[in-house]
C-alpha atoms as a PDB file:
ATOM      1  CA  UNK A   1     -40.311 253.906  27.551  1.00  0.00           C
ATOM      2  CA  UNK A   2     -43.145 251.327  27.498  1.00  0.00           C
ATOM      3  CA  UNK A   3     -43.879 251.932  31.183  1.00  0.00           C
ATOM      4  CA  UNK A   4     -44.069 255.762  30.566  1.00  0.00           C
ATOM      5  CA  UNK A   5     -46.420 255.381  27.705  1.00  0.00           C
ATOM      6  CA  UNK A   6     -48.476 253.101  29.655  1.00  0.00           C
ATOM      7  CA  UNK A   7     -48.603 255.443  32.730  1.00  0.00           C
ATOM      8  CA  UNK A   8     -49.711 258.240  30.371  1.00  0.00           C
ATOM      9  CA  UNK A   9     -52.359 256.209  28.441  1.00  0.00           C
ATOM     10  CA  UNK A  10     -56.170 256.778  29.139  1.00  0.00           C
ATOM     11  CA  UNK A  11     -57.824 253.758  30.889  1.00  0.00           C
ATOM     12  CA  UNK A  12     -58.696 251.090  30.441  1.00  0.00           C
ATOM     13  CA  UNK A  13     -55.082 250.223  29.120  1.00  0.00           C
ATOM     14  CA  UNK A  14     -52.954 247.011  29.241  1.00  0.00           C
ATOM     15  CA  UNK A  15     -49.222 246.785  29.247  1.00  0.00           C
ATOM     16  CA  UNK A  16     -47.688 243.567  27.883  1.00  0.00           C
ATOM     17  CA  UNK A  17     -43.961 243.227  28.601  1.00  0.00           C
ATOM     18  CA  UNK A  18     -42.097 240.368  26.909  1.00  0.00           C
ATOM     19  CA  UNK A  19     -39.226 238.814  28.848  1.00  0.00           C
ATOM     20  CA  UNK A  20     -36.142 239.336  26.947  1.00  0.00           C
ATOM     21  CA  UNK A  21     -37.909 241.449  24.526  1.00  0.00           C
ATOM     22  CA  UNK A  22     -36.520 244.535  22.894  1.00  0.00           C
ATOM     23  CA  UNK A  23     -37.833 246.902  20.227  1.00  0.00           C
ATOM     24  CA  UNK A  24     -36.819 244.914  17.376  1.00  0.00           C
ATOM     25  CA  UNK A  25     -37.411 241.295  18.646  1.00  0.00           C
ATOM     26  CA  UNK A  26     -40.406 241.301  21.012  1.00  0.00           C
ATOM     27  CA  UNK A  27     -42.727 240.214  18.209  1.00  0.00           C
ATOM     28  CA  UNK A  28     -40.486 237.197  17.221  1.00  0.00           C
ATOM     29  CA  UNK A  29     -39.806 235.999  20.861  1.00  0.00           C
ATOM     30  CA  UNK A  30     -43.229 236.882  22.191  1.00  0.00           C
ATOM     31  CA  UNK A  31     -45.688 235.898  19.636  1.00  0.00           C
ATOM     32  CA  UNK A  32     -47.589 233.575  21.816  1.00  0.00           C
ATOM     33  CA  UNK A  33     -48.084 236.272  24.380  1.00  0.00           C
ATOM     34  CA  UNK A  34     -49.153 238.756  21.672  1.00  0.00           C
ATOM     35  CA  UNK A  35     -51.532 236.375  20.167  1.00  0.00           C
ATOM     36  CA  UNK A  36     -53.064 235.625  23.471  1.00  0.00           C
ATOM     37  CA  UNK A  37     -53.371 239.329  24.405  1.00  0.00           C
ATOM     38  CA  UNK A  38     -54.758 240.195  21.002  1.00  0.00           C
ATOM     39  CA  UNK A  39     -57.392 237.463  21.321  1.00  0.00           C
ATOM     40  CA  UNK A  40     -58.394 238.590  24.735  1.00  0.00           C
ATOM     41  CA  UNK A  41     -58.711 242.272  23.534  1.00  0.00           C
ATOM     42  CA  UNK A  42     -60.873 241.168  20.542  1.00  0.00           C
ATOM     43  CA  UNK A  43     -63.221 239.047  22.723  1.00  0.00           C
ATOM     44  CA  UNK A  44     -63.469 241.968  25.233  1.00  0.00           C
ATOM     45  CA  UNK A  45     -64.221 244.624  22.716  1.00  0.00           C
ATOM     46  CA  UNK A  46     -66.123 242.857  19.825  1.00  0.00           C
ATOM     47  CA  UNK A  47     -69.640 243.832  19.406  1.00  0.00           C
END
């Protein structure tokens, strides 16, 4: 479903897929990736 939501999202948009991640565990196993993506988003959008 993530790919479908990403395809429908207005641009710019970013899709972060966590290898082995599922609905309930992606935050736990992908916290490094999430932190990196969030930091990049903040740097790009901070005013």
